[in-house]
Protein backbone atom coordinates (compact mmCIF):
# COMPACT_ATOMS: atom_id res chain seq x y z
CA MET A 1 61.95 21.57 21.66
CA HIS A 2 64.68 24.19 21.14
CA ILE A 3 68.48 23.55 21.68
CA GLU A 4 71.27 26.04 21.24
CA ALA A 5 75.03 25.28 21.30
CA VAL A 6 77.90 27.78 21.09
CA ALA A 7 81.55 26.97 20.23
CA SER A 8 84.58 29.22 19.64
CA ASP A 9 88.11 28.68 18.39
CA ASP A 10 91.44 30.09 19.81
CA ARG A 11 91.12 33.05 17.56
CA GLY A 12 87.91 34.06 19.22
CA HIS A 13 85.61 33.07 16.37
CA GLU A 14 82.30 31.89 17.69
CA CYS A 15 79.96 29.32 16.11
CA ARG A 16 76.36 29.07 17.25
CA ALA A 17 74.24 25.98 16.42
CA VAL A 18 70.45 26.01 16.90
CA LEU A 19 68.39 22.83 16.79
CA THR A 20 64.59 23.16 16.76
CA ASP A 21 62.22 20.17 16.78
CA ILE A 22 59.54 21.12 14.25
CA THR A 23 57.52 17.92 14.62
CA GLU A 24 54.72 19.69 16.47
CA ARG A 25 54.77 22.59 14.02
CA ARG A 26 54.56 20.20 11.09
CA ARG A 27 51.70 18.42 12.79
CA ILE A 28 49.89 21.72 13.25
CA GLU A 29 50.57 22.62 9.60
CA GLU A 30 49.32 19.22 8.46
CA THR A 31 46.23 19.67 10.60
CA LEU A 32 45.57 23.12 9.15
CA ARG A 33 46.08 21.85 5.59
CA PHE A 34 43.77 18.94 6.36
CA ARG A 35 41.13 21.25 7.80
CA LEU A 36 41.33 23.61 4.82
CA SER A 37 41.21 20.65 2.43
CA LEU A 38 38.10 19.28 4.09
CA LEU A 39 36.49 22.73 4.11
CA ASP A 40 37.20 23.09 0.39
CA SER A 41 35.87 19.61 -0.30
CA SER A 42 32.78 19.85 1.85
CA ALA A 43 30.90 22.10 -0.56
CA ASP A 44 30.91 19.73 -3.52
CA HIS A 45 31.67 16.32 -1.97
CA SER A 46 29.34 13.86 -0.32
CA LEU A 47 29.54 12.85 3.32
CA GLU A 48 30.95 9.46 2.29
CA GLU A 49 33.69 11.15 0.24
CA LEU A 50 34.66 13.42 3.16
CA LEU A 51 34.88 10.44 5.50
CA GLN A 52 37.10 8.63 3.02
CA GLU A 53 39.34 11.68 2.64
CA MET A 54 39.71 11.88 6.44
CA LEU A 55 40.72 8.22 6.61
CA ASP A 56 43.15 8.59 3.70
CA VAL A 57 44.96 11.53 5.39
CA ILE A 58 45.07 9.82 8.79
CA GLY A 59 46.35 6.65 7.14
CA ALA A 60 49.14 8.58 5.37
CA LEU A 61 50.25 10.38 8.55
CA THR A 62 50.30 7.16 10.62
CA ASP A 63 51.66 4.93 7.84
CA SER A 64 48.56 2.73 8.14
CA PRO A 65 47.26 0.89 5.08
CA ILE A 66 43.90 0.20 6.77
CA GLY A 67 41.43 2.85 7.93
CA PHE A 68 37.77 2.68 8.94
CA CYS A 69 35.03 4.76 10.54
CA HIS A 70 31.84 3.65 12.28
CA PHE A 71 29.00 5.84 13.52
CA VAL A 72 27.66 5.06 16.99
CA GLU A 73 23.91 5.42 17.48
CA PRO A 74 22.58 7.49 20.42
CA ASP A 75 21.66 4.28 22.27
CA GLN A 76 25.46 3.63 22.50
CA ASN A 77 24.73 0.00 21.66
CA THR A 78 24.48 0.09 17.86
CA LEU A 79 27.13 0.68 15.22
CA ALA A 80 26.88 1.59 11.55
CA LEU A 81 29.81 1.14 9.18
CA ALA A 82 30.32 4.58 7.60
CA ALA A 83 33.48 4.28 5.47
CA TRP A 84 36.74 2.50 4.64
CA SER A 85 39.87 4.26 3.45
CA THR A 86 40.62 4.16 -0.27
CA ARG A 87 43.65 1.92 0.19
CA THR A 88 41.69 -0.49 2.39
CA MET A 89 39.06 -0.98 -0.28
CA LYS A 90 41.53 -1.29 -3.15
CA GLU A 91 44.15 -3.53 -1.58
CA PHE A 92 42.88 -5.31 1.47
CA CYS A 93 39.13 -5.61 1.90
CA SER A 94 36.28 -6.90 -0.26
CA ALA A 95 33.80 -7.29 2.61
CA LYS A 96 30.41 -5.66 2.12
CA GLY A 97 28.30 -3.88 4.66
CA GLN A 98 28.69 -0.12 4.34
CA GLY A 99 25.70 1.45 6.08
CA THR A 100 24.88 -1.80 7.88
CA HIS A 101 23.67 -1.44 11.48
CA TYR A 102 24.63 -4.06 14.03
CA PRO A 103 24.93 -4.30 17.84
CA ILE A 104 28.21 -3.50 19.55
CA ALA A 105 28.11 -6.95 21.14
CA GLU A 106 28.79 -8.46 17.69
CA ALA A 107 31.77 -6.19 16.96
CA GLY A 108 35.46 -7.10 17.21
CA VAL A 109 37.97 -6.17 19.90
CA TRP A 110 38.42 -2.70 18.41
CA VAL A 111 35.10 -1.77 20.01
CA ASP A 112 36.92 -1.78 23.38
CA CYS A 113 37.36 1.96 22.80
CA VAL A 114 33.57 2.40 23.15
CA ARG A 115 33.37 0.38 26.33
CA GLN A 116 36.43 2.14 27.82
CA ARG A 117 35.57 5.53 26.27
CA TRP A 118 39.31 5.88 25.54
CA PRO A 119 41.69 5.16 22.64
CA VAL A 120 42.89 1.55 22.47
CA ILE A 121 46.05 0.12 20.90
CA HIS A 122 46.39 -3.55 19.95
CA ASN A 123 49.95 -4.05 18.71
CA ASP A 124 49.73 -7.84 18.91
CA TYR A 125 46.26 -8.50 17.56
CA ALA A 126 46.73 -12.25 17.15
CA SER A 127 47.43 -12.72 20.86
CA LEU A 128 44.17 -11.10 22.05
CA PRO A 129 42.09 -13.75 23.82
CA HIS A 130 38.74 -12.00 23.18
CA ARG A 131 39.23 -11.30 19.47
CA LYS A 132 36.50 -12.51 17.12
CA GLY A 133 36.61 -14.04 13.68
CA LEU A 134 36.53 -11.60 10.77
CA PRO A 135 33.88 -11.78 8.04
CA ALA A 136 34.79 -13.18 4.63
CA GLY A 137 36.69 -10.62 2.58
CA HIS A 138 37.71 -8.57 5.62
CA ALA A 139 41.22 -7.14 5.68
CA PRO A 140 43.61 -9.25 7.84
CA ILE A 141 44.63 -7.44 11.02
CA THR A 142 48.06 -7.50 12.65
CA ARG A 143 47.82 -4.38 14.83
CA GLU A 144 45.30 -1.57 15.22
CA LEU A 145 44.61 1.78 16.88
CA VAL A 146 41.02 2.94 17.48
CA VAL A 147 39.85 6.22 19.03
CA PRO A 148 36.36 7.39 20.02
CA ILE A 149 34.92 10.78 19.01
CA ILE A 150 32.90 12.18 21.89
CA ARG A 151 30.30 14.97 21.77
CA ALA A 152 28.06 16.01 24.70
CA ASP A 153 29.33 13.02 26.68
CA LEU A 154 28.16 10.60 23.97
CA ILE A 155 30.38 8.61 21.64
CA VAL A 156 29.23 9.63 18.15
CA ALA A 157 31.80 7.76 16.07
CA ILE A 158 34.96 5.69 16.19
CA VAL A 159 37.92 6.06 13.84
CA GLY A 160 40.49 3.31 13.48
CA VAL A 161 43.70 2.55 11.60
CA GLY A 162 45.52 -0.72 11.27
CA ASN A 163 48.58 -2.70 10.14
CA LYS A 164 51.24 -0.04 10.61
CA PRO A 165 54.66 -1.70 9.95
CA THR A 166 55.76 -0.84 13.52
CA GLY A 167 53.80 -0.60 16.73
CA TYR A 168 51.38 2.24 17.38
CA ASP A 169 52.30 4.71 20.15
CA ASP A 170 51.03 7.85 21.82
CA SER A 171 52.07 10.07 18.90
CA ASP A 172 49.79 8.05 16.62
CA VAL A 173 46.99 8.38 19.14
CA GLN A 174 47.45 12.16 19.09
CA ILE A 175 47.40 12.27 15.29
CA VAL A 176 44.28 10.12 14.90
CA SER A 177 42.43 11.75 17.81
CA HIS A 178 43.20 15.29 16.74
CA LEU A 179 42.49 14.86 13.02
CA ALA A 180 39.36 12.84 13.68
CA ASP A 181 38.10 15.52 16.07
CA VAL A 182 38.83 18.28 13.54
CA ALA A 183 37.21 16.31 10.75
CA TRP A 184 34.13 15.48 12.79
CA THR A 185 33.25 19.15 13.25
CA ILE A 186 33.10 19.55 9.48
CA ILE A 187 31.48 16.17 8.90
CA GLU A 188 28.85 16.87 11.52
CA ARG A 189 27.91 20.02 9.66
CA LYS A 190 27.79 18.00 6.45
CA ARG A 191 25.49 15.47 8.09
CA VAL A 192 23.16 18.27 9.13
CA GLU A 193 23.25 19.68 5.59
CA LYS A 194 22.55 16.24 4.15
CA ALA A 195 19.64 15.69 6.55
CA LEU A 196 18.27 19.11 5.66
CA GLN A 197 18.58 18.39 1.93
CA GLU A 198 16.84 15.05 2.37
CA SER A 199 14.11 16.73 4.39
CA GLU A 200 13.67 19.40 1.73
CA ALA A 201 13.55 16.69 -0.96
CA ARG A 202 10.89 14.81 1.00
CA SER A 203 8.95 18.03 1.45
CA ARG A 204 9.12 18.70 -2.29
CA GLU A 205 8.02 15.15 -3.04
CA THR A 206 5.16 15.50 -0.55
CA ALA A 207 4.13 18.83 -2.05
CA GLU A 208 4.26 17.36 -5.55
CA ALA A 209 2.28 14.32 -4.42
CA LEU A 210 -0.32 16.56 -2.76
CA ALA A 211 -0.55 18.72 -5.88
CA LYS A 212 -0.95 15.62 -8.03
CA ALA A 213 -3.51 14.21 -5.61
CA ASP A 214 -5.42 17.49 -5.79
CA ILE A 215 -5.39 17.34 -9.60
CA ASN A 216 -6.52 13.72 -9.45
CA LYS A 217 -9.25 14.63 -6.97
CA ASN A 218 -10.54 17.44 -9.19
CA HIS A 219 -10.39 15.15 -12.21
CA PHE A 220 -12.20 12.42 -10.28
CA LEU A 221 -14.93 14.81 -9.12
CA ALA A 222 -15.40 16.01 -12.70
CA VAL A 223 -15.58 12.42 -13.96
CA LEU A 224 -17.91 11.43 -11.09
CA SER A 225 -20.21 14.34 -11.91
CA HIS A 226 -20.21 13.28 -15.56
CA GLU A 227 -20.90 9.63 -14.76
CA LEU A 228 -23.70 10.47 -12.31
CA ARG A 229 -25.37 12.90 -14.70
CA ASN A 230 -25.24 10.41 -17.57
CA PRO A 231 -27.82 8.00 -16.08
CA LEU A 232 -29.84 10.83 -14.48
CA ALA A 233 -30.63 12.33 -17.88
CA PRO A 234 -32.33 9.21 -19.34
CA ILE A 235 -34.04 8.58 -15.99
CA THR A 236 -35.50 12.10 -16.06
CA ASN A 237 -36.55 11.69 -19.70
CA SER A 238 -38.14 8.33 -18.98
CA LEU A 239 -40.11 9.75 -16.07
CA TYR A 240 -41.48 12.41 -18.42
CA ILE A 241 -42.43 9.69 -20.92
CA LEU A 242 -44.20 7.68 -18.18
CA ASP A 243 -46.21 10.80 -17.32
CA HIS A 244 -47.39 11.22 -20.91
CA ALA A 245 -47.40 7.71 -22.38
CA VAL A 246 -50.33 5.28 -22.40
CA PRO A 247 -50.05 3.19 -19.20
CA GLY A 248 -48.84 -0.29 -20.06
CA GLY A 249 -48.03 0.73 -23.62
CA GLU A 250 -44.81 0.11 -25.55
CA GLN A 251 -43.39 3.56 -24.74
CA ALA A 252 -44.04 3.04 -21.04
CA HIS A 253 -42.33 -0.38 -21.10
CA ARG A 254 -39.30 1.09 -22.87
CA ALA A 255 -39.12 3.95 -20.35
CA LEU A 256 -39.24 1.48 -17.44
CA ALA A 257 -36.48 -0.61 -19.02
CA VAL A 258 -34.32 2.53 -19.40
CA ILE A 259 -34.87 3.48 -15.77
CA GLY A 260 -33.97 -0.04 -14.65
CA ARG A 261 -30.72 -0.06 -16.64
CA GLN A 262 -29.65 3.40 -15.54
CA VAL A 263 -30.44 2.79 -11.86
CA GLY A 264 -28.35 -0.37 -12.12
CA GLN A 265 -25.50 1.72 -13.50
CA LEU A 266 -25.79 4.17 -10.57
CA VAL A 267 -25.75 1.29 -8.08
CA ARG A 268 -22.63 -0.15 -9.71
CA LEU A 269 -20.87 3.23 -9.52
CA VAL A 270 -21.62 3.56 -5.82
CA ASP A 271 -20.69 -0.07 -5.12
CA ASP A 272 -17.34 0.38 -6.90
CA LEU A 273 -16.58 3.47 -4.85
CA LEU A 274 -17.41 1.65 -1.60
CA ASP A 275 -15.42 -1.44 -2.59
CA VAL A 276 -12.29 0.57 -3.44
CA THR A 277 -12.55 2.30 -0.05
CA ARG A 278 -12.98 -1.02 1.73
CA ILE A 279 -10.02 -2.57 -0.07
CA SER A 280 -7.77 0.41 0.68
CA HIS A 281 -8.57 -0.09 4.38
CA ASN A 282 -8.38 -3.90 4.13
CA LYS A 283 -12.01 -4.15 5.24
CA ILE A 284 -13.57 -6.48 2.66
CA PRO A 285 -14.50 -9.76 4.34
CA LEU A 286 -14.17 -12.77 2.04
CA GLN A 287 -16.70 -15.60 2.25
CA ARG A 288 -14.23 -18.29 1.24
CA GLN A 289 -15.30 -21.67 -0.05
CA ARG A 290 -13.91 -24.34 -2.34
CA LEU A 291 -14.55 -23.23 -5.93
CA GLU A 292 -14.03 -24.83 -9.33
CA ILE A 293 -12.63 -22.09 -11.57
CA ASN A 294 -13.72 -23.57 -14.92
CA ASP A 295 -17.33 -23.48 -13.74
CA LEU A 296 -17.06 -19.97 -12.24
CA VAL A 297 -15.52 -18.52 -15.41
CA ARG A 298 -18.08 -20.24 -17.65
CA ARG A 299 -21.02 -18.91 -15.61
CA THR A 300 -19.53 -15.40 -15.60
CA ILE A 301 -19.09 -15.46 -19.37
CA ASP A 302 -22.74 -16.53 -19.71
CA ASP A 303 -23.76 -13.58 -17.52
CA HIS A 304 -21.91 -11.17 -19.86
CA ARG A 305 -22.57 -12.87 -23.20
CA LEU A 306 -25.34 -10.44 -24.11
CA GLN A 307 -22.90 -7.52 -23.86
CA PHE A 308 -20.47 -9.26 -26.23
CA GLU A 309 -23.26 -10.02 -28.70
CA LYS A 310 -24.52 -6.43 -28.55
CA ASN A 311 -21.00 -5.15 -29.35
CA GLU A 312 -20.55 -7.84 -32.05
CA VAL A 313 -17.53 -9.29 -30.27
CA ARG A 314 -16.94 -13.05 -30.37
CA VAL A 315 -15.98 -14.65 -27.04
CA GLU A 316 -14.45 -18.11 -26.63
CA LEU A 317 -13.68 -20.12 -23.48
CA VAL A 318 -10.86 -22.65 -23.38
CA SER A 319 -11.30 -24.57 -20.13
CA ALA A 320 -8.61 -26.52 -18.32
CA PRO A 321 -8.81 -30.27 -19.11
CA LYS A 322 -9.28 -31.08 -15.42
CA PRO A 323 -11.15 -29.34 -12.58
CA VAL A 324 -9.19 -26.44 -11.06
CA PHE A 325 -10.00 -25.67 -7.43
CA VAL A 326 -9.26 -22.52 -5.43
CA ASN A 327 -10.30 -21.36 -1.99
CA GLY A 328 -12.10 -18.07 -2.60
CA ASP A 329 -15.18 -15.89 -2.42
CA ARG A 330 -17.47 -16.88 -5.31
CA ASN A 331 -19.09 -13.47 -5.71
CA ARG A 332 -15.84 -11.54 -5.50
CA LEU A 333 -13.99 -13.78 -7.96
CA ALA A 334 -16.95 -13.56 -10.33
CA GLN A 335 -16.66 -9.78 -9.94
CA VAL A 336 -12.96 -9.99 -10.92
CA VAL A 337 -13.64 -12.02 -14.07
CA GLY A 338 -16.75 -9.97 -14.84
CA ASN A 339 -14.89 -6.64 -14.70
CA LEU A 340 -12.22 -7.97 -17.06
CA LEU A 341 -14.88 -9.31 -19.44
CA GLN A 342 -16.69 -5.97 -19.40
CA ASN A 343 -13.45 -4.22 -20.38
CA ALA A 344 -12.85 -6.71 -23.17
CA ALA A 345 -16.36 -6.22 -24.54
CA LYS A 346 -16.19 -2.45 -24.11
CA PHE A 347 -12.80 -1.86 -25.74
CA THR A 348 -13.04 -4.39 -28.57
CA GLY A 349 -14.75 -3.16 -31.71
CA PRO A 350 -17.32 -5.00 -33.88
CA GLY A 351 -15.85 -8.12 -35.44
CA GLY A 352 -13.29 -8.42 -32.64
CA TYR A 353 -12.47 -11.45 -30.58
CA THR A 354 -11.94 -12.26 -26.89
CA ARG A 355 -10.34 -15.49 -25.75
CA VAL A 356 -10.67 -16.66 -22.14
CA SER A 357 -8.60 -19.61 -20.94
CA VAL A 358 -8.24 -21.47 -17.65
CA SER A 359 -5.11 -23.44 -16.83
CA THR A 360 -2.81 -24.34 -13.94
CA ASP A 361 0.80 -23.53 -13.17
CA SER A 362 1.85 -26.67 -11.32
CA GLU A 363 5.27 -25.28 -10.38
CA ALA A 364 3.83 -22.11 -8.81
CA LYS A 365 0.73 -24.03 -7.57
CA GLN A 366 -1.58 -21.44 -9.10
CA ALA A 367 -4.78 -21.36 -11.10
CA VAL A 368 -4.33 -19.11 -14.15
CA VAL A 369 -7.13 -17.22 -15.94
CA ARG A 370 -6.17 -15.36 -19.13
CA ILE A 371 -8.45 -12.88 -20.88
CA ALA A 372 -7.02 -11.69 -24.20
CA ASP A 373 -8.77 -9.45 -26.72
CA THR A 374 -8.10 -7.91 -30.13
CA GLY A 375 -9.28 -4.48 -29.02
CA VAL A 376 -7.80 -1.00 -28.81
CA GLY A 377 -4.77 -2.06 -26.75
CA MET A 378 -2.78 0.27 -24.53
CA ASP A 379 0.20 2.57 -24.67
CA PRO A 380 3.09 0.86 -22.80
CA LYS A 381 3.32 3.97 -20.58
CA MET A 382 -0.22 3.29 -19.37
CA LEU A 383 0.58 -0.25 -18.17
CA ALA A 384 2.54 0.94 -15.12
CA ARG A 385 -0.43 2.98 -13.86
CA LEU A 386 -3.24 0.77 -15.08
CA PHE A 387 -4.28 -0.69 -11.70
CA GLN A 388 -4.28 2.61 -9.80
CA PRO A 389 -7.69 4.04 -8.79
CA PHE A 390 -9.23 6.62 -11.15
CA VAL A 391 -6.75 5.83 -13.96
CA GLN A 392 -8.34 5.46 -17.38
CA ALA A 393 -7.03 4.92 -20.86
CA ASP A 394 -10.09 6.72 -22.27
CA THR A 395 -9.47 10.42 -21.56
CA THR A 396 -11.41 11.83 -24.52
CA LEU A 397 -13.90 14.60 -23.86
CA ASP A 398 -16.90 12.52 -24.89
CA ARG A 399 -15.83 9.69 -22.55
CA SER A 400 -17.71 7.28 -24.76
CA LYS A 401 -16.54 4.27 -22.75
CA GLY A 402 -17.65 5.73 -19.40
CA GLY A 403 -16.67 4.58 -15.93
CA LEU A 404 -14.78 6.02 -12.98
CA GLY A 405 -11.51 4.22 -13.60
CA LEU A 406 -12.09 2.01 -10.55
CA GLY A 407 -12.68 -1.37 -12.18
CA LEU A 408 -9.08 -2.51 -12.54
CA ALA A 409 -8.07 -1.09 -9.15
CA LEU A 410 -10.93 -3.13 -7.71
CA VAL A 411 -9.84 -6.23 -9.61
CA ARG A 412 -6.25 -5.99 -8.34
CA GLY A 413 -7.39 -5.41 -4.76
CA LEU A 414 -9.74 -8.41 -4.81
CA VAL A 415 -7.15 -10.68 -6.43
CA GLU A 416 -4.51 -9.67 -3.87
CA LEU A 417 -6.97 -10.26 -1.02
CA HIS A 418 -7.13 -13.85 -2.32
CA GLY A 419 -3.33 -14.10 -2.21
CA GLY A 420 -3.06 -13.85 -5.99
CA GLU A 421 -1.68 -11.43 -8.55
CA ILE A 422 -2.81 -9.82 -11.79
CA THR A 423 -0.73 -8.56 -14.71
CA ALA A 424 -1.57 -6.75 -17.93
CA ASP A 425 0.23 -6.66 -21.24
CA SER A 426 -0.31 -5.02 -24.59
CA PRO A 427 1.94 -4.73 -27.66
CA GLY A 428 0.63 -1.19 -28.13
CA LEU A 429 -2.33 0.86 -29.29
CA GLY A 430 -4.63 -1.01 -31.65
CA GLN A 431 -3.00 -4.36 -30.89
CA GLY A 432 -5.22 -5.76 -28.17
CA ALA A 433 -4.47 -6.56 -24.53
CA GLU A 434 -4.16 -9.55 -22.23
CA PHE A 435 -4.90 -9.75 -18.51
CA VAL A 436 -3.61 -12.70 -16.48
CA VAL A 437 -5.05 -13.55 -13.05
CA ARG A 438 -3.15 -16.00 -10.85
CA LEU A 439 -4.73 -17.49 -7.73
CA PRO A 440 -3.34 -20.05 -5.25
CA LEU A 441 -4.67 -23.54 -5.86
CA ALA A 442 -6.71 -25.14 -3.08
CA LEU A 443 -4.52 -27.40 -0.97
CA GLU A 444 -6.71 -30.48 -1.28
CA GLU A 445 -8.67 -31.94 -4.16
CA GLY A 446 -12.42 -32.18 -3.83
CA ALA A 447 -15.70 -31.87 -5.62
CA ALA A 448 -16.92 -28.58 -7.00
CA ASP A 449 -19.62 -26.64 -5.23
CA GLY A 450 -23.20 -27.33 -6.06
CA PRO A 451 -25.20 -25.22 -8.50
CA VAL A 452 -25.71 -21.54 -7.85
CA LEU A 453 -28.90 -20.90 -5.92
CA SER A 454 -31.77 -19.40 -7.87
CA ARG A 455 -32.31 -15.69 -7.47
CA THR A 456 -36.09 -16.15 -7.60
CA PRO A 457 -37.43 -14.61 -4.36
CA THR A 458 -39.32 -16.66 -1.84
CA THR A 459 -42.13 -14.61 -0.39
CA GLY A 460 -42.82 -16.74 2.68
CA GLY A 461 -46.50 -15.64 2.94
CA ARG A 462 -48.26 -12.49 4.06
CA ARG A 463 -46.38 -10.62 6.83
CA ARG A 464 -46.76 -7.46 8.86
CA VAL A 465 -43.94 -5.08 7.88
CA LEU A 466 -42.95 -1.73 9.39
CA ILE A 467 -40.71 0.72 7.52
CA ILE A 468 -38.99 3.45 9.56
CA GLU A 469 -37.41 5.86 7.07
CA ASP A 470 -37.21 9.67 7.07
CA ASN A 471 -36.89 9.85 3.27
CA VAL A 472 -40.57 9.91 2.26
CA ASP A 473 -39.99 8.77 -1.33
CA ALA A 474 -37.78 5.88 -0.22
CA ALA A 475 -40.30 4.79 2.42
CA ASP A 476 -43.37 5.02 0.19
CA SER A 477 -41.75 3.28 -2.78
CA LEU A 478 -40.57 0.40 -0.59
CA ARG A 479 -44.06 0.16 0.94
CA GLU A 480 -45.68 -0.08 -2.47
CA ALA A 481 -43.16 -2.68 -3.65
CA LEU A 482 -43.88 -4.86 -0.60
CA GLU A 483 -47.63 -4.45 -0.99
CA PHE A 484 -47.34 -6.11 -4.41
CA SER A 485 -46.51 -9.28 -2.45
CA GLN A 486 -49.62 -8.82 -0.30
CA HIS A 487 -47.73 -7.81 2.85
CA GLU A 488 -49.35 -5.46 5.38
CA VAL A 489 -47.03 -2.47 5.46
CA GLU A 490 -46.90 0.54 7.78
CA VAL A 491 -44.57 3.54 7.44
CA ALA A 492 -43.09 5.90 10.05
CA HIS A 493 -40.70 8.76 9.36
CA ASN A 494 -38.84 8.92 12.69
CA GLY A 495 -37.85 6.65 15.55
CA PRO A 496 -40.47 7.50 18.20
CA ALA A 497 -43.28 7.30 15.63
CA GLY A 498 -41.96 3.93 14.48
CA ILE A 499 -41.90 2.52 18.02
CA ALA A 500 -45.45 3.81 18.62
CA LYS A 501 -46.73 2.14 15.41
CA ALA A 502 -44.90 -1.06 16.29
CA ARG A 503 -46.72 -1.27 19.63
CA LYS A 504 -50.04 -0.95 17.83
CA ARG A 505 -49.36 -3.23 14.85
CA MET A 506 -46.83 -5.73 16.27
CA PRO A 507 -44.79 -6.13 13.03
CA ASP A 508 -43.05 -9.34 12.05
CA VAL A 509 -40.32 -7.46 10.16
CA VAL A 510 -38.95 -3.94 10.65
CA PHE A 511 -36.87 -2.17 8.00
CA CYS A 512 -35.20 0.74 9.80
CA ASP A 513 -32.98 3.49 8.41
CA ILE A 514 -29.86 4.16 10.48
CA GLY A 515 -29.52 7.90 9.82
CA LEU A 516 -32.82 8.98 11.32
CA PRO A 517 -33.14 12.49 12.77
CA GLY A 518 -33.01 12.68 16.56
CA MET A 519 -33.43 9.07 17.62
CA ASP A 520 -31.19 7.18 15.19
CA GLY A 521 -31.64 3.61 13.98
CA PHE A 522 -29.30 2.14 16.60
CA ASP A 523 -31.39 3.69 19.40
CA VAL A 524 -34.54 2.34 17.74
CA ALA A 525 -33.08 -1.18 17.68
CA ARG A 526 -32.04 -0.98 21.32
CA ALA A 527 -35.55 0.25 22.24
CA PHE A 528 -37.12 -2.73 20.42
CA ARG A 529 -34.86 -5.22 22.17
CA ALA A 530 -35.57 -3.67 25.55
CA ASP A 531 -39.37 -3.91 25.08
CA ASP A 532 -40.84 -7.34 25.93
CA THR A 533 -43.67 -6.88 23.44
CA LEU A 534 -41.41 -5.85 20.54
CA LYS A 535 -38.17 -7.75 21.06
CA GLY A 536 -39.33 -10.67 18.90
CA ALA A 537 -39.48 -8.58 15.71
CA TYR A 538 -36.95 -9.28 12.95
CA LEU A 539 -34.94 -6.03 12.68
CA VAL A 540 -33.25 -5.09 9.42
CA ALA A 541 -30.94 -2.07 9.21
CA LEU A 542 -31.09 -0.05 5.98
CA SER A 543 -28.08 2.21 5.56
CA GLY A 544 -25.69 3.80 3.11
CA TYR A 545 -22.96 2.98 5.66
CA ALA A 546 -21.85 -0.52 4.75
CA LEU A 547 -18.29 -1.00 6.04
CA PRO A 548 -17.58 -3.99 8.31
CA GLU A 549 -17.57 -1.78 11.40
CA ASP A 550 -21.04 -0.48 10.41
CA LEU A 551 -22.35 -4.04 10.23
CA GLN A 552 -20.74 -4.83 13.58
CA ARG A 553 -22.29 -1.76 15.20
CA ALA A 554 -25.73 -2.67 13.79
CA SER A 555 -25.40 -6.19 15.17
CA GLU A 556 -24.39 -4.90 18.60
CA ALA A 557 -27.41 -2.56 18.64
CA GLY A 558 -29.73 -5.53 18.09
CA PHE A 559 -30.34 -5.72 14.33
CA ASP A 560 -30.72 -9.20 12.86
CA GLN A 561 -29.54 -8.15 9.40
CA HIS A 562 -27.89 -5.20 7.63
CA LEU A 563 -28.71 -4.18 4.03
CA ALA A 564 -26.80 -1.51 2.15
CA LYS A 565 -28.84 1.10 0.31
CA PRO A 566 -30.31 0.80 -2.23
CA PRO A 567 -31.48 -2.72 -1.33
CA ASN A 568 -32.28 -5.12 -4.13
CA LEU A 569 -35.99 -5.92 -3.99
CA ASP A 570 -35.31 -9.64 -4.44
CA THR A 571 -33.12 -9.40 -1.35
CA ILE A 572 -35.92 -7.57 0.49
CA GLU A 573 -38.33 -10.41 -0.31
CA GLN A 574 -35.79 -13.03 0.74
CA THR A 575 -35.29 -11.13 4.01
CA VAL A 576 -39.03 -11.15 4.71
CA ALA A 577 -39.10 -14.86 3.91
CA ARG A 578 -36.16 -15.48 6.26
CA ALA A 579 -37.99 -13.64 9.03
CA SER A 580 -41.08 -15.74 8.36
CA SER A 581 -39.18 -19.02 8.50
CA GLY A 582 -37.44 -17.92 11.68
């Protein structure tokens, strides 16, 4: 607005007065200063700091002690508290919730600006019939002005001020709307920059994780190669000795014992690898039953006592004074305790000591098994990574302790599958270590399970057995092993040949490899079940594929039983006996 007035006296002197309203110009200047300030700040200030600066400036220009900003999600139904003004936080509001998402339906009356898509003024807040209660610590409201920020026909944010000493009017609406709109352009760019930085950070983390995984993979393959070659060397040497030694002599017996031990080691390596894979995919079925932990721990110690004696390590069991029952898988829990005992025996030197105790934590309703040794201990830095797959404390070149670094990962996975937890502690290198396993107690008291069944095989009499296996050595060695028990055994090296021999010999039991060339084991099983003369045979799948879905697929194809390779010969005999009794 521009007003001019002219006055003159009787002498002819003229006086000109010019009045110019500079309110708009000052507003423009303030806006420009604000824009420049935000631009200067945007380079080295966070998004939250820019939002707070915007609210502080708007609060100063509108004389409002309270200022706030919420982001509106694209669904137009969800809000996220983005920032309060500095003065609001210091003087008026202790409520938490920055970054909190919540539905618009739960918001106060100020959200009318979203529903109306237009600025709203509430100069008599207390009289509003639809106002809602404020959360504890929220600034008290007497009056408020809230404006929406709209982009591409969507409300992207709302900016509000409150508690101006006098009522809000259109000039305040213009100030808040204009400055908020100016600020949003810069803030939007900052949000994009922040998202890009976060994306780049995630990409770097992913790249680093992939690089680390690649290093771990290469290390694992090197360790796996080492661990596989270790037993192969004595096996090869022992085979040479058997070729040259007197049959049945002392050398031959020693060579056979070496082969047995080293094959057992290979089987354990493969089993550990499969178990870790199953656990990572949550595919280990647990055969739960009511177990008495004192008894399970005692039996497991007895199974490993020879290893302690060989290493000259004393082992002591301190049982709980009363029976301690859990609901778990006997074999898997024995595997947990056994792995921890093996570590204790392996990493405790001659003259050392291992103490195993069983107790209960009545408050947590847990059974507690502690295995503490006086062995080599661990660096505290190792404890955080101890239960990760392929992590080992022994990284020396000779790898005298052996192993793939899977044992403790396996232990943790099995314990967690039982709803329990495991922790490890060590004062440091050379100061021993303690592992603590906690398992939920069984809900009801009851008697312990009966004694463990004997592993002595039951032969069940002379049977006709057919082996369908394309690996000639595997087929012939299994045939010879079964012939020791006086079974009549036939061998075929592919599916069609196996079916043809079955029709001639009418076997009682069929051991069939799954990965046969051409006609695979599943097709063989289906062919048996579809043939009236063969469908009564007891079909056993032999396979290196032993995940739960593999067992399910074998069952659906018609197999009565599934055995993972290499099958234990005692299990083979028990399977033949089961077929006989059936």
